């Protein structure tokens, strides 16, 4: 009895992978083994990149809050400590937005924290 191999499913799998390789340069887009390796590496980078994105944004927010706080005579560390003590529940994303786009509102937050 001949060996049963599901060619339909394996072809679909290869076809989907080759679809993911669209836009790659050279043999990465049309040679199966090269494309498969490139896609797997790319998916790994994408997974790591999603984690790094969160880190990068948090550090950007911290830089912006620090710059805003220093304009009002405080460091980032002092400002965040006072913010937590005063019970103001604004996250870093909101604080960074205030510091960058609404300096008057950020000044009001800093003044409320200083008291």
PDB file of N, CA and C in Angstrom:
ATOM      1  N   UNK A   1       0.844  -1.185   0.000  1.00  0.00           N
ATOM      2  CA  UNK A   1       0.000   0.000   0.000  1.00  0.00           C
ATOM      3  C   UNK A   1       0.887   1.246   0.000  1.00  0.00           C
ATOM      4  N   UNK A   2       0.595   2.211  -0.862  1.00  0.00           N
ATOM      5  CA  UNK A   2       1.431   3.411  -0.935  1.00  0.00           C
ATOM      6  C   UNK A   2       1.278   4.284   0.313  1.00  0.00           C
ATOM      7  N   UNK A   3       2.343   5.036   0.548  1.00  0.00           N
ATOM      8  CA  UNK A   3       2.351   5.920   1.716  1.00  0.00           C
ATOM      9  C   UNK A   3       1.391   7.077   1.487  1.00  0.00           C
ATOM     10  N   UNK A   4       0.606   7.399   2.503  1.00  0.00           N
ATOM     11  CA  UNK A   4      -0.362   8.487   2.394  1.00  0.00           C
ATOM     12  C   UNK A   4       0.291   9.788   2.883  1.00  0.00           C
ATOM     13  N   UNK A   5       0.372  10.762   2.004  1.00  0.00           N
ATOM     14  CA  UNK A   5       0.974  12.055   2.335  1.00  0.00           C
ATOM     15  C   UNK A   5      -0.042  13.139   1.999  1.00  0.00           C
ATOM     16  N   UNK A   6      -0.271  14.030   2.917  1.00  0.00           N
ATOM     17  CA  UNK A   6      -1.271  15.077   2.698  1.00  0.00           C
ATOM     18  C   UNK A   6      -0.636  16.246   1.941  1.00  0.00           C
ATOM     19  N   UNK A   7      -0.535  16.098   0.636  1.00  0.00           N
ATOM     20  CA  UNK A   7       0.085  17.140  -0.188  1.00  0.00           C
ATOM     21  C   UNK A   7      -0.718  18.425  -0.192  1.00  0.00           C
ATOM     22  N   UNK A   8      -2.016  18.307  -0.051  1.00  0.00           N
ATOM     23  CA  UNK A   8      -2.869  19.494  -0.091  1.00  0.00           C
ATOM     24  C   UNK A   8      -2.516  20.429   1.070  1.00  0.00           C
ATOM     25  N   UNK A   9      -2.437  19.866   2.266  1.00  0.00           N
ATOM     26  CA  UNK A   9      -2.157  20.681   3.450  1.00  0.00           C
ATOM     27  C   UNK A   9      -0.748  21.262   3.402  1.00  0.00           C
ATOM     28  N   UNK A  10       0.230  20.448   2.991  1.00  0.00           N
ATOM     29  CA  UNK A  10       1.606  20.952   2.964  1.00  0.00           C
ATOM     30  C   UNK A  10       1.761  22.038   1.908  1.00  0.00           C
ATOM     31  N   UNK A  11       1.052  21.924   0.800  1.00  0.00           N
ATOM     32  CA  UNK A  11       1.108  22.961  -0.234  1.00  0.00           C
ATOM     33  C   UNK A  11       0.500  24.257   0.290  1.00  0.00           C
ATOM     34  N   UNK A  12      -0.592  24.134   1.025  1.00  0.00           N
ATOM     35  CA  UNK A  12      -1.235  25.318   1.601  1.00  0.00           C
ATOM     36  C   UNK A  12      -0.286  26.004   2.586  1.00  0.00           C
ATOM     37  N   UNK A  13       0.401  25.183   3.413  1.00  0.00           N
ATOM     38  CA  UNK A  13       1.348  25.748   4.367  1.00  0.00           C
ATOM     39  C   UNK A  13       2.460  26.505   3.648  1.00  0.00           C
ATOM     40  N   UNK A  14       3.006  25.880   2.601  1.00  0.00           N
ATOM     41  CA  UNK A  14       4.079  26.544   1.842  1.00  0.00           C
ATOM     42  C   UNK A  14       3.576  27.811   1.166  1.00  0.00           C
ATOM     43  N   UNK A  15       2.370  27.739   0.625  1.00  0.00           N
ATOM     44  CA  UNK A  15       1.804  28.888  -0.073  1.00  0.00           C
ATOM     45  C   UNK A  15       1.623  30.068   0.893  1.00  0.00           C
ATOM     46  N   UNK A  16       1.149  29.776   2.103  1.00  0.00           N
ATOM     47  CA  UNK A  16       0.968  30.837   3.100  1.00  0.00           C
ATOM     48  C   UNK A  16       2.305  31.450   3.498  1.00  0.00           C
ATOM     49  N   UNK A  17       3.325  30.610   3.646  1.00  0.00           N
ATOM     50  CA  UNK A  17       4.655  31.131   3.996  1.00  0.00           C
ATOM     51  C   UNK A  17       5.191  32.005   2.856  1.00  0.00           C
ATOM     52  N   UNK A  18       5.009  31.564   1.621  1.00  0.00           N
ATOM     53  CA  UNK A  18       5.510  32.344   0.483  1.00  0.00           C
ATOM     54  C   UNK A  18       4.762  33.671   0.368  1.00  0.00           C
ATOM     55  N   UNK A  19       3.494  33.677   0.784  1.00  0.00           N
ATOM     56  CA  UNK A  19       2.738  34.923   0.805  1.00  0.00           C
ATOM     57  C   UNK A  19       3.358  35.897   1.806  1.00  0.00           C
ATOM     58  N   UNK A  20       3.827  35.355   2.939  1.00  0.00           N
ATOM     59  CA  UNK A  20       4.451  36.195   3.961  1.00  0.00           C
ATOM     60  C   UNK A  20       5.787  36.756   3.484  1.00  0.00           C
ATOM     61  N   UNK A  21       6.417  36.069   2.507  1.00  0.00           N
ATOM     62  CA  UNK A  21       7.727  36.496   2.014  1.00  0.00           C
ATOM     63  C   UNK A  21       7.621  37.554   0.921  1.00  0.00           C
ATOM     64  N   UNK A  22       6.409  37.957   0.596  1.00  0.00           N
ATOM     65  CA  UNK A  22       6.230  38.976  -0.439  1.00  0.00           C
ATOM     66  C   UNK A  22       6.939  40.253  -0.041  1.00  0.00           C
ATOM     67  N   UNK A  23       7.649  40.850  -0.970  1.00  0.00           N
ATOM     68  CA  UNK A  23       8.344  42.099  -0.697  1.00  0.00           C
ATOM     69  C   UNK A  23       9.788  41.912  -0.263  1.00  0.00           C
ATOM     70  N   UNK A  24      10.190  40.665  -0.001  1.00  0.00           N
ATOM     71  CA  UNK A  24      11.573  40.411   0.352  1.00  0.00           C
ATOM     72  C   UNK A  24      12.437  40.524  -0.894  1.00  0.00           C
ATOM     73  N   UNK A  25      13.737  40.728  -0.706  1.00  0.00           N
ATOM     74  CA  UNK A  25      14.661  40.945  -1.819  1.00  0.00           C
ATOM     75  C   UNK A  25      15.354  39.648  -2.224  1.00  0.00           C
ATOM     76  N   UNK A  26      15.541  39.468  -3.508  1.00  0.00           N
ATOM     77  CA  UNK A  26      16.320  38.338  -4.022  1.00  0.00           C
ATOM     78  C   UNK A  26      15.630  37.009  -3.806  1.00  0.00           C
ATOM     79  N   UNK A  27      16.434  35.980  -3.461  1.00  0.00           N
ATOM     80  CA  UNK A  27      15.880  34.640  -3.328  1.00  0.00           C
ATOM     81  C   UNK A  27      15.008  34.491  -2.092  1.00  0.00           C
ATOM     82  N   UNK A  28      15.035  35.477  -1.215  1.00  0.00           N
ATOM     83  CA  UNK A  28      14.218  35.400  -0.007  1.00  0.00           C
ATOM     84  C   UNK A  28      12.730  35.371  -0.352  1.00  0.00           C
ATOM     85  N   UNK A  29      12.363  35.862  -1.529  1.00  0.00           N
ATOM     86  CA  UNK A  29      10.944  35.929  -1.864  1.00  0.00           C
ATOM     87  C   UNK A  29      10.435  34.739  -2.664  1.00  0.00           C
ATOM     88  N   UNK A  30      11.329  33.947  -3.286  1.00  0.00           N
ATOM     89  CA  UNK A  30      10.810  32.898  -4.156  1.00  0.00           C
ATOM     90  C   UNK A  30      11.459  31.526  -4.004  1.00  0.00           C
ATOM     91  N   UNK A  31      12.501  31.392  -3.202  1.00  0.00           N
ATOM     92  CA  UNK A  31      13.109  30.082  -2.968  1.00  0.00           C
ATOM     93  C   UNK A  31      12.652  29.617  -1.587  1.00  0.00           C
ATOM     94  N   UNK A  32      12.026  28.457  -1.536  1.00  0.00           N
ATOM     95  CA  UNK A  32      11.344  27.987  -0.331  1.00  0.00           C
ATOM     96  C   UNK A  32      12.230  28.003   0.918  1.00  0.00           C
ATOM     97  N   UNK A  33      13.403  27.374   0.855  1.00  0.00           N
ATOM     98  CA  UNK A  33      14.216  27.244   2.065  1.00  0.00           C
ATOM     99  C   UNK A  33      14.736  28.609   2.532  1.00  0.00           C
ATOM    100  N   UNK A  34      15.139  29.433   1.589  1.00  0.00           N
ATOM    101  CA  UNK A  34      15.650  30.765   1.939  1.00  0.00           C
ATOM    102  C   UNK A  34      14.518  31.613   2.506  1.00  0.00           C
ATOM    103  N   UNK A  35      13.349  31.542   1.857  1.00  0.00           N
ATOM    104  CA  UNK A  35      12.191  32.328   2.302  1.00  0.00           C
ATOM    105  C   UNK A  35      11.746  31.888   3.693  1.00  0.00           C
ATOM    106  N   UNK A  36      11.723  30.567   3.918  1.00  0.00           N
ATOM    107  CA  UNK A  36      11.284  30.042   5.218  1.00  0.00           C
ATOM    108  C   UNK A  36      12.183  30.551   6.333  1.00  0.00           C
ATOM    109  N   UNK A  37      13.503  30.500   6.098  1.00  0.00           N
ATOM    110  CA  UNK A  37      14.454  30.988   7.104  1.00  0.00           C
ATOM    111  C   UNK A  37      14.274  32.481   7.365  1.00  0.00           C
ATOM    112  N   UNK A  38      14.077  33.244   6.285  1.00  0.00           N
ATOM    113  CA  UNK A  38      13.913  34.695   6.419  1.00  0.00           C
ATOM    114  C   UNK A  38      12.637  35.029   7.185  1.00  0.00           C
ATOM    115  N   UNK A  39      11.568  34.303   6.894  1.00  0.00           N
ATOM    116  CA  UNK A  39      10.288  34.559   7.563  1.00  0.00           C
ATOM    117  C   UNK A  39      10.383  34.214   9.046  1.00  0.00           C
ATOM    118  N   UNK A  40      10.986  33.067   9.356  1.00  0.00           N
ATOM    119  CA  UNK A  40      11.104  32.668  10.760  1.00  0.00           C
ATOM    120  C   UNK A  40      11.930  33.687  11.548  1.00  0.00           C
ATOM    121  N   UNK A  41      13.012  34.158  10.937  1.00  0.00           N
ATOM    122  CA  UNK A  41      13.846  35.166  11.597  1.00  0.00           C
ATOM    123  C   UNK A  41      13.045  36.463  11.783  1.00  0.00           C
ATOM    124  N   UNK A  42      12.314  36.838  10.744  1.00  0.00           N
ATOM    125  CA  UNK A  42      11.509  38.057  10.807  1.00  0.00           C
ATOM    126  C   UNK A  42      10.428  37.979  11.868  1.00  0.00           C
ATOM    127  N   UNK A  43       9.790  36.817  11.993  1.00  0.00           N
ATOM    128  CA  UNK A  43       8.751  36.648  13.006  1.00  0.00           C
ATOM    129  C   UNK A  43       9.348  36.724  14.409  1.00  0.00           C
ATOM    130  N   UNK A  44      10.568  36.213  14.549  1.00  0.00           N
ATOM    131  CA  UNK A  44      11.259  36.328  15.837  1.00  0.00           C
ATOM    132  C   UNK A  44      11.540  37.769  16.195  1.00  0.00           C
ATOM    133  N   UNK A  45      12.029  38.533  15.218  1.00  0.00           N
ATOM    134  CA  UNK A  45      12.286  39.949  15.433  1.00  0.00           C
ATOM    135  C   UNK A  45      10.989  40.690  15.756  1.00  0.00           C
ATOM    136  N   UNK A  46       9.898  40.315  15.082  1.00  0.00           N
ATOM    137  CA  UNK A  46       8.614  40.978  15.312  1.00  0.00           C
ATOM    138  C   UNK A  46       8.136  40.743  16.736  1.00  0.00           C
ATOM    139  N   UNK A  47       8.326  39.523  17.234  1.00  0.00           N
ATOM    140  CA  UNK A  47       7.908  39.192  18.597  1.00  0.00           C
ATOM    141  C   UNK A  47       8.699  40.019  19.608  1.00  0.00           C
ATOM    142  N   UNK A  48      10.010  40.060  19.428  1.00  0.00           N
ATOM    143  CA  UNK A  48      10.873  40.827  20.330  1.00  0.00           C
ATOM    144  C   UNK A  48      10.553  42.312  20.209  1.00  0.00           C
ATOM    145  N   UNK A  49      10.297  42.764  18.981  1.00  0.00           N
ATOM    146  CA  UNK A  49      10.010  44.176  18.736  1.00  0.00           C
ATOM    147  C   UNK A  49       8.759  44.656  19.444  1.00  0.00           C
ATOM    148  N   UNK A  50       7.764  43.777  19.563  1.00  0.00           N
ATOM    149  CA  UNK A  50       6.543  44.164  20.272  1.00  0.00           C
ATOM    150  C   UNK A  50       6.824  44.413  21.752  1.00  0.00           C
ATOM    151  N   UNK A  51       7.775  43.691  22.307  1.00  0.00           N
ATOM    152  CA  UNK A  51       8.150  43.918  23.707  1.00  0.00           C
ATOM    153  C   UNK A  51       9.000  45.193  23.834  1.00  0.00           C
ATOM    154  N   UNK A  52       9.929  45.388  22.885  1.00  0.00           N
ATOM    155  CA  UNK A  52      10.813  46.556  22.927  1.00  0.00           C
ATOM    156  C   UNK A  52      10.036  47.852  22.751  1.00  0.00           C
ATOM    157  N   UNK A  53       8.959  47.784  21.963  1.00  0.00           N
ATOM    158  CA  UNK A  53       8.143  48.964  21.711  1.00  0.00           C
ATOM    159  C   UNK A  53       7.606  49.537  23.027  1.00  0.00           C
ATOM    160  N   UNK A  54       7.168  48.664  23.908  1.00  0.00           N
ATOM    161  CA  UNK A  54       6.642  49.097  25.205  1.00  0.00           C
ATOM    162  C   UNK A  54       7.734  49.774  26.032  1.00  0.00           C
ATOM    163  N   UNK A  55       8.944  49.176  26.027  1.00  0.00           N
ATOM    164  CA  UNK A  55      10.079  49.753  26.753  1.00  0.00           C
ATOM    165  C   UNK A  55      10.438  51.124  26.205  1.00  0.00           C
ATOM    166  N   UNK A  56      10.501  51.206  24.872  1.00  0.00           N
ATOM    167  CA  UNK A  56      10.913  52.454  24.223  1.00  0.00           C
ATOM    168  C   UNK A  56       9.937  53.583  24.526  1.00  0.00           C
ATOM    169  N   UNK A  57       8.629  53.266  24.475  1.00  0.00           N
ATOM    170  CA  UNK A  57       7.645  54.309  24.747  1.00  0.00           C
ATOM    171  C   UNK A  57       7.712  54.767  26.198  1.00  0.00           C
ATOM    172  N   UNK A  58       7.898  53.807  27.111  1.00  0.00           N
ATOM    173  CA  UNK A  58       7.992  54.185  28.522  1.00  0.00           C
ATOM    174  C   UNK A  58       9.187  55.108  28.749  1.00  0.00           C
ATOM    175  N   UNK A  59      10.336  54.790  28.149  1.00  0.00           N
ATOM    176  CA  UNK A  59      11.516  55.644  28.323  1.00  0.00           C
ATOM    177  C   UNK A  59      11.306  57.017  27.689  1.00  0.00           C
ATOM    178  N   UNK A  60      10.581  57.068  26.569  1.00  0.00           N
ATOM    179  CA  UNK A  60      10.276  58.353  25.930  1.00  0.00           C
ATOM    180  C   UNK A  60       9.400  59.201  26.845  1.00  0.00           C
ATOM    181  N   UNK A  61       8.384  58.564  27.443  1.00  0.00           N
ATOM    182  CA  UNK A  61       7.506  59.296  28.359  1.00  0.00           C
ATOM    183  C   UNK A  61       8.297  59.831  29.550  1.00  0.00           C
ATOM    184  N   UNK A  62       9.217  59.018  30.067  1.00  0.00           N
ATOM    185  CA  UNK A  62      10.016  59.436  31.222  1.00  0.00           C
ATOM    186  C   UNK A  62      10.884  60.644  30.862  1.00  0.00           C
ATOM    187  N   UNK A  63      11.476  60.629  29.673  1.00  0.00           N
ATOM    188  CA  UNK A  63      12.298  61.760  29.220  1.00  0.00           C
ATOM    189  C   UNK A  63      11.454  63.023  29.140  1.00  0.00           C
ATOM    190  N   UNK A  64      10.244  62.908  28.602  1.00  0.00           N
ATOM    191  CA  UNK A  64       9.369  64.081  28.450  1.00  0.00           C
ATOM    192  C   UNK A  64       8.907  64.620  29.805  1.00  0.00           C
ATOM    193  N   UNK A  65       8.553  63.708  30.706  1.00  0.00           N
ATOM    194  CA  UNK A  65       8.122  64.132  32.050  1.00  0.00           C
ATOM    195  C   UNK A  65       9.285  64.803  32.774  1.00  0.00           C
ATOM    196  N   UNK A  66      10.477  64.246  32.647  1.00  0.00           N
ATOM    197  CA  UNK A  66      11.664  64.808  33.283  1.00  0.00           C
ATOM    198  C   UNK A  66      11.926  66.222  32.775  1.00  0.00           C
ATOM    199  N   UNK A  67      11.825  66.398  31.462  1.00  0.00           N
ATOM    200  CA  UNK A  67      12.057  67.724  30.884  1.00  0.00           C
ATOM    201  C   UNK A  67      11.022  68.718  31.407  1.00  0.00           C
ATOM    202  N   UNK A  68       9.765  68.283  31.469  1.00  0.00           N
ATOM    203  CA  UNK A  68       8.707  69.166  31.980  1.00  0.00           C
ATOM    204  C   UNK A  68       8.892  69.482  33.451  1.00  0.00           C
ATOM    205  N   UNK A  69       9.268  68.488  34.237  1.00  0.00           N
ATOM    206  CA  UNK A  69       9.439  68.686  35.680  1.00  0.00           C
ATOM    207  C   UNK A  69      10.619  69.616  35.958  1.00  0.00           C
ATOM    208  N   UNK A  70      11.697  69.489  35.205  1.00  0.00           N
ATOM    209  CA  UNK A  70      12.881  70.322  35.416  1.00  0.00           C
ATOM    210  C   UNK A  70      12.600  71.796  35.105  1.00  0.00           C
ATOM    211  N   UNK A  71      11.647  72.058  34.202  1.00  0.00           N
ATOM    212  CA  UNK A  71      11.276  73.451  33.924  1.00  0.00           C
ATOM    213  C   UNK A  71      10.631  74.099  35.148  1.00  0.00           C
ATOM    214  N   UNK A  72      10.107  73.253  36.029  1.00  0.00           N
ATOM    215  CA  UNK A  72       9.437  73.770  37.231  1.00  0.00           C
ATOM    216  C   UNK A  72      10.232  73.476  38.497  1.00  0.00           C
ATOM    217  N   UNK A  73      11.522  73.206  38.341  1.00  0.00           N
ATOM    218  CA  UNK A  73      12.418  73.082  39.479  1.00  0.00           C
ATOM    219  C   UNK A  73      12.383  71.753  40.215  1.00  0.00           C
ATOM    220  N   UNK A  74      11.996  70.697  39.542  1.00  0.00           N
ATOM    221  CA  UNK A  74      11.996  69.365  40.151  1.00  0.00           C
ATOM    222  C   UNK A  74      12.673  68.385  39.210  1.00  0.00           C
ATOM    223  N   UNK A  75      13.192  67.311  39.782  1.00  0.00           N
ATOM    224  CA  UNK A  75      13.692  66.229  38.922  1.00  0.00           C
ATOM    225  C   UNK A  75      12.556  65.239  38.708  1.00  0.00           C
ATOM    226  N   UNK A  76      12.768  64.319  37.788  1.00  0.00           N
ATOM    227  CA  UNK A  76      11.763  63.283  37.518  1.00  0.00           C
ATOM    228  C   UNK A  76      11.488  62.468  38.775  1.00  0.00           C
ATOM    229  N   UNK A  77      12.562  62.089  39.454  1.00  0.00           N
ATOM    230  CA  UNK A  77      12.444  61.247  40.646  1.00  0.00           C
ATOM    231  C   UNK A  77      11.649  61.959  41.747  1.00  0.00           C
ATOM    232  N   UNK A  78      11.975  63.203  41.989  1.00  0.00           N
ATOM    233  CA  UNK A  78      11.255  63.985  43.007  1.00  0.00           C
ATOM    234  C   UNK A  78       9.786  64.138  42.624  1.00  0.00           C
ATOM    235  N   UNK A  79       9.562  64.422  41.349  1.00  0.00           N
ATOM    236  CA  UNK A  79       8.196  64.646  40.863  1.00  0.00           C
ATOM    237  C   UNK A  79       7.351  63.387  41.016  1.00  0.00           C
ATOM    238  N   UNK A  80       7.882  62.237  40.601  1.00  0.00           N
ATOM    239  CA  UNK A  80       7.110  60.997  40.677  1.00  0.00           C
ATOM    240  C   UNK A  80       6.881  60.580  42.128  1.00  0.00           C
ATOM    241  N   UNK A  81       7.872  60.812  42.986  1.00  0.00           N
ATOM    242  CA  UNK A  81       7.696  60.507  44.404  1.00  0.00           C
ATOM    243  C   UNK A  81       6.596  61.339  45.024  1.00  0.00           C
ATOM    244  N   UNK A  82       6.613  62.637  44.730  1.00  0.00           N
ATOM    245  CA  UNK A  82       5.593  63.547  45.255  1.00  0.00           C
ATOM    246  C   UNK A  82       4.220  63.226  44.662  1.00  0.00           C
ATOM    247  N   UNK A  83       4.216  62.821  43.401  1.00  0.00           N
ATOM    248  CA  UNK A  83       2.958  62.474  42.719  1.00  0.00           C
ATOM    249  C   UNK A  83       2.299  61.271  43.389  1.00  0.00           C
ATOM    250  N   UNK A  84       3.105  60.268  43.706  1.00  0.00           N
ATOM    251  CA  UNK A  84       2.569  59.076  44.370  1.00  0.00           C
ATOM    252  C   UNK A  84       2.100  59.397  45.786  1.00  0.00           C
ATOM    253  N   UNK A  85       2.845  60.252  46.492  1.00  0.00           N
ATOM    254  CA  UNK A  85       2.472  60.633  47.857  1.00  0.00           C
ATOM    255  C   UNK A  85       1.159  61.406  47.875  1.00  0.00           C
ATOM    256  N   UNK A  86       0.988  62.280  46.874  1.00  0.00           N
ATOM    257  CA  UNK A  86      -0.208  63.130  46.855  1.00  0.00           C
ATOM    258  C   UNK A  86      -1.447  62.361  46.395  1.00  0.00           C
ATOM    259  N   UNK A  87      -1.242  61.174  45.831  1.00  0.00           N
ATOM    260  CA  UNK A  87      -2.387  60.347  45.431  1.00  0.00           C
ATOM    261  C   UNK A  87      -2.960  60.688  44.066  1.00  0.00           C
ATOM    262  N   UNK A  88      -2.241  61.463  43.269  1.00  0.00           N
ATOM    263  CA  UNK A  88      -2.694  61.775  41.906  1.00  0.00           C
ATOM    264  C   UNK A  88      -2.464  60.543  41.043  1.00  0.00           C
ATOM    265  N   UNK A  89      -3.525  60.063  40.407  1.00  0.00           N
ATOM    266  CA  UNK A  89      -3.421  58.829  39.630  1.00  0.00           C
ATOM    267  C   UNK A  89      -3.376  59.123  38.131  1.00  0.00           C
ATOM    268  N   UNK A  90      -2.299  59.730  37.692  1.00  0.00           N
ATOM    269  CA  UNK A  90      -2.067  59.942  36.259  1.00  0.00           C
ATOM    270  C   UNK A  90      -0.903  59.048  35.845  1.00  0.00           C
ATOM    271  N   UNK A  91      -1.082  58.321  34.755  1.00  0.00           N
ATOM    272  CA  UNK A  91       0.017  57.453  34.309  1.00  0.00           C
ATOM    273  C   UNK A  91       1.039  58.252  33.516  1.00  0.00           C
ATOM    274  N   UNK A  92       2.155  57.606  33.222  1.00  0.00           N
ATOM    275  CA  UNK A  92       3.254  58.300  32.548  1.00  0.00           C
ATOM    276  C   UNK A  92       2.864  58.773  31.144  1.00  0.00           C
ATOM    277  N   UNK A  93       2.044  58.011  30.474  1.00  0.00           N
ATOM    278  CA  UNK A  93       1.622  58.385  29.117  1.00  0.00           C
ATOM    279  C   UNK A  93       0.854  59.705  29.159  1.00  0.00           C
ATOM    280  N   UNK A  94      -0.088  59.825  30.094  1.00  0.00           N
ATOM    281  CA  UNK A  94      -0.882  61.047  30.223  1.00  0.00           C
ATOM    282  C   UNK A  94      -0.012  62.219  30.665  1.00  0.00           C
ATOM    283  N   UNK A  95       0.885  61.974  31.608  1.00  0.00           N
ATOM    284  CA  UNK A  95       1.777  63.038  32.082  1.00  0.00           C
ATOM    285  C   UNK A  95       2.682  63.544  30.968  1.00  0.00           C
ATOM    286  N   UNK A  96       3.205  62.610  30.159  1.00  0.00           N
ATOM    287  CA  UNK A  96       4.080  63.004  29.049  1.00  0.00           C
ATOM    288  C   UNK A  96       3.318  63.832  28.033  1.00  0.00           C
ATOM    289  N   UNK A  97       2.058  63.452  27.777  1.00  0.00           N
ATOM    290  CA  UNK A  97       1.225  64.209  26.836  1.00  0.00           C
ATOM    291  C   UNK A  97       0.978  65.618  27.369  1.00  0.00           C
ATOM    292  N   UNK A  98       0.692  65.720  28.673  1.00  0.00           N
ATOM    293  CA  UNK A  98       0.484  67.038  29.271  1.00  0.00           C
ATOM    294  C   UNK A  98       1.756  67.883  29.186  1.00  0.00           C
ATOM    295  N   UNK A  99       2.893  67.271  29.490  1.00  0.00           N
ATOM    296  CA  UNK A  99       4.161  68.002  29.480  1.00  0.00           C
ATOM    297  C   UNK A  99       4.492  68.527  28.086  1.00  0.00           C
ATOM    298  N   UNK A 100       4.161  67.740  27.070  1.00  0.00           N
ATOM    299  CA  UNK A 100       4.515  68.115  25.702  1.00  0.00           C
ATOM    300  C   UNK A 100       3.495  69.065  25.071  1.00  0.00           C
ATOM    301  N   UNK A 101       2.205  68.726  25.190  1.00  0.00           N
ATOM    302  CA  UNK A 101       1.170  69.458  24.447  1.00  0.00           C
ATOM    303  C   UNK A 101       0.393  70.481  25.270  1.00  0.00           C
ATOM    304  N   UNK A 102       0.360  70.313  26.582  1.00  0.00           N
ATOM    305  CA  UNK A 102      -0.423  71.213  27.437  1.00  0.00           C
ATOM    306  C   UNK A 102       0.414  71.636  28.647  1.00  0.00           C
ATOM    307  N   UNK A 103       1.404  72.495  28.422  1.00  0.00           N
ATOM    308  CA  UNK A 103       2.318  72.866  29.505  1.00  0.00           C
ATOM    309  C   UNK A 103       1.623  73.537  30.695  1.00  0.00           C
ATOM    310  N   UNK A 104       0.530  74.266  30.445  1.00  0.00           N
ATOM    311  CA  UNK A 104      -0.189  74.923  31.549  1.00  0.00           C
ATOM    312  C   UNK A 104      -0.825  73.880  32.467  1.00  0.00           C
ATOM    313  N   UNK A 105      -1.410  72.865  31.876  1.00  0.00           N
ATOM    314  CA  UNK A 105      -2.024  71.791  32.661  1.00  0.00           C
ATOM    315  C   UNK A 105      -0.956  71.025  33.435  1.00  0.00           C
ATOM    316  N   UNK A 106       0.199  70.808  32.801  1.00  0.00           N
ATOM    317  CA  UNK A 106       1.293  70.112  33.488  1.00  0.00           C
ATOM    318  C   UNK A 106       1.796  70.938  34.664  1.00  0.00           C
ATOM    319  N   UNK A 107       1.862  72.270  34.461  1.00  0.00           N
ATOM    320  CA  UNK A 107       2.285  73.169  35.545  1.00  0.00           C
ATOM    321  C   UNK A 107       1.308  73.078  36.706  1.00  0.00           C
ATOM    322  N   UNK A 108       0.015  72.971  36.409  1.00  0.00           N
ATOM    323  CA  UNK A 108      -0.997  72.842  37.461  1.00  0.00           C
ATOM    324  C   UNK A 108      -0.796  71.542  38.250  1.00  0.00           C
ATOM    325  N   UNK A 109      -0.443  70.461  37.545  1.00  0.00           N
ATOM    326  CA  UNK A 109      -0.178  69.182  38.204  1.00  0.00           C
ATOM    327  C   UNK A 109       1.047  69.309  39.106  1.00  0.00           C
ATOM    328  N   UNK A 110       2.103  69.946  38.588  1.00  0.00           N
ATOM    329  CA  UNK A 110       3.328  70.120  39.372  1.00  0.00           C
ATOM    330  C   UNK A 110       3.060  70.966  40.599  1.00  0.00           C
ATOM    331  N   UNK A 111       2.277  72.035  40.444  1.00  0.00           N
ATOM    332  CA  UNK A 111       1.958  72.905  41.581  1.00  0.00           C
ATOM    333  C   UNK A 111       1.141  72.165  42.629  1.00  0.00           C
ATOM    334  N   UNK A 112       0.194  71.338  42.180  1.00  0.00           N
ATOM    335  CA  UNK A 112      -0.627  70.592  43.132  1.00  0.00           C
ATOM    336  C   UNK A 112       0.205  69.567  43.889  1.00  0.00           C
ATOM    337  N   UNK A 113       1.220  69.043  43.234  1.00  0.00           N
ATOM    338  CA  UNK A 113       2.106  68.045  43.850  1.00  0.00           C
ATOM    339  C   UNK A 113       3.087  68.692  44.824  1.00  0.00           C
ATOM    340  N   UNK A 114       3.534  69.912  44.512  1.00  0.00           N
ATOM    341  CA  UNK A 114       4.526  70.605  45.348  1.00  0.00           C
ATOM    342  C   UNK A 114       3.956  70.958  46.724  1.00  0.00           C
ATOM    343  N   UNK A 115       2.649  71.167  46.811  1.00  0.00           N
ATOM    344  CA  UNK A 115       2.047  71.599  48.083  1.00  0.00           C
ATOM    345  C   UNK A 115       1.979  70.490  49.082  1.00  0.00           C
TER     346      UNK A 115
END
